Protein backbone atom coordinates (compact mmCIF):
# COMPACT_ATOMS: atom_id res chain seq x y z
CA UNK A 1 -7.04 24.85 70.10
CA UNK A 2 -6.18 23.53 73.56
CA UNK A 3 -3.99 25.50 76.28
CA UNK A 4 -3.05 24.47 79.73
CA UNK A 5 -1.27 27.85 80.73
CA UNK A 6 -3.13 30.32 82.10
CA UNK A 7 -1.95 33.51 83.16
CA UNK A 8 -3.19 36.90 85.02
CA UNK A 9 -6.19 37.73 86.82
CA UNK A 10 -10.08 36.38 85.80
CA UNK A 11 -12.29 39.74 85.24
CA UNK A 12 -14.20 39.34 82.48
CA UNK A 13 -17.36 37.95 83.16
CA UNK A 14 -19.30 34.47 81.79
CA UNK A 15 -21.03 34.56 78.68
CA UNK A 16 -24.64 33.83 78.95
CA UNK A 17 -26.10 30.98 76.20
CA UNK A 18 -29.12 31.74 73.96
CA UNK A 19 -30.04 29.88 71.10
CA UNK A 20 -29.79 31.38 67.53
CA UNK A 21 -31.61 29.99 64.42
CA UNK A 22 -31.26 26.22 63.89
CA UNK A 23 -27.85 24.46 64.30
CA UNK A 24 -26.61 27.82 65.23
CA UNK A 25 -25.51 28.20 68.71
CA UNK A 26 -24.16 31.78 70.92
CA UNK A 27 -23.37 33.22 73.94
CA UNK A 28 -21.86 36.45 74.69
CA UNK A 29 -21.33 39.02 77.51
CA UNK A 30 -19.35 42.24 77.83
CA UNK A 31 -17.68 43.12 80.58
CA UNK A 32 -13.93 44.91 81.40
CA UNK A 33 -11.13 42.21 80.53
CA UNK A 34 -8.02 42.53 83.08
CA UNK A 35 -4.55 42.76 81.20
CA UNK A 36 -3.50 39.19 80.47
CA UNK A 37 -5.01 36.24 79.84
CA UNK A 38 -8.71 36.16 80.90
CA UNK A 39 -10.39 32.65 82.10
CA UNK A 40 -14.02 32.66 81.49
CA UNK A 41 -17.32 30.38 80.55
CA UNK A 42 -17.79 30.11 77.21
CA UNK A 43 -21.27 29.29 77.99
CA UNK A 44 -22.03 26.15 75.85
CA UNK A 45 -22.43 22.73 76.40
CA UNK A 46 -18.81 21.08 76.31
CA UNK A 47 -20.18 17.98 75.33
CA UNK A 48 -21.63 19.61 71.86
CA UNK A 49 -18.28 21.16 71.26
CA UNK A 50 -16.15 17.84 71.75
CA UNK A 51 -14.78 16.78 68.52
CA UNK A 52 -16.38 19.21 66.52
CA UNK A 53 -13.61 22.18 68.61
CA UNK A 54 -12.80 23.43 64.93
CA UNK A 55 -16.93 24.86 64.60
CA UNK A 56 -16.43 26.76 67.71
CA UNK A 57 -15.58 30.82 67.07
CA UNK A 58 -15.10 33.66 68.90
CA UNK A 59 -15.59 37.42 68.51
CA UNK A 60 -14.41 40.05 69.84
CA UNK A 61 -15.36 43.58 69.81
CA UNK A 62 -12.60 45.82 71.98
CA UNK A 63 -12.78 49.54 73.65
CA UNK A 64 -9.82 51.67 72.32
CA UNK A 65 -7.99 50.74 75.49
CA UNK A 66 -7.95 47.49 74.79
CA UNK A 67 -4.92 47.19 72.08
CA UNK A 68 -5.53 43.58 71.42
CA UNK A 69 -6.62 40.30 71.97
CA UNK A 70 -5.71 37.01 70.79
CA UNK A 71 -7.34 32.97 71.51
CA UNK A 72 -5.27 31.47 73.99
CA UNK A 73 -7.32 28.28 73.67
CA UNK A 74 -9.88 26.31 75.44
CA UNK A 75 -9.71 24.47 78.90
CA UNK A 76 -8.94 20.77 78.67
CA UNK A 77 -12.44 19.82 79.60
CA UNK A 78 -13.79 22.35 76.71
CA UNK A 79 -15.83 24.12 79.24
CA UNK A 80 -13.91 28.00 79.20
CA UNK A 81 -11.97 29.84 76.59
CA UNK A 82 -9.08 32.19 77.19
CA UNK A 83 -8.21 35.29 75.35
CA UNK A 84 -5.16 36.99 76.08
CA UNK A 85 -6.17 40.95 75.96
CA UNK A 86 -3.34 43.87 76.31
CA UNK A 87 -5.67 46.45 78.28
CA UNK A 88 -4.30 49.71 79.09
CA UNK A 89 -6.71 51.38 80.32
CA UNK A 90 -10.46 50.65 81.93
CA UNK A 91 -12.32 50.12 78.66
CA UNK A 92 -14.76 47.33 77.99
CA UNK A 93 -14.93 44.43 75.67
CA UNK A 94 -17.82 42.43 74.14
CA UNK A 95 -17.17 38.48 73.39
CA UNK A 96 -19.34 36.34 71.32
CA UNK A 97 -19.10 32.63 71.04
CA UNK A 98 -20.58 31.03 67.45
CA UNK A 99 -20.83 26.94 67.23
CA UNK A 100 -21.93 26.34 64.34
CA UNK A 101 -22.65 22.63 63.05
CA UNK A 102 -24.99 20.34 61.08
CA UNK A 103 -26.23 17.78 63.46
CA UNK A 104 -28.88 18.98 65.49
CA UNK A 105 -27.91 18.72 69.29
């Protein structure tokens, strides 16, 4: 899931964390992505994710002028996510990070 390639400008806002039910962690934000790879903080503690990257999911809701959104990967330090948006206008997207792990932190 890690990738070191990053193209384009960063315009999507950092995700803001909130705690959900026990052992489920969420962060989300809504914003207007630029066309291309957007890199932003996923809002969760990297030390919590390390070794459990497969338990981290990203859910993306896109506006009508966004044709696609594809996960590129995480930054090497696990603090940021890269998502490639195909943006043809100025619609917003909503991105949610969900980390589900059975061991409490």
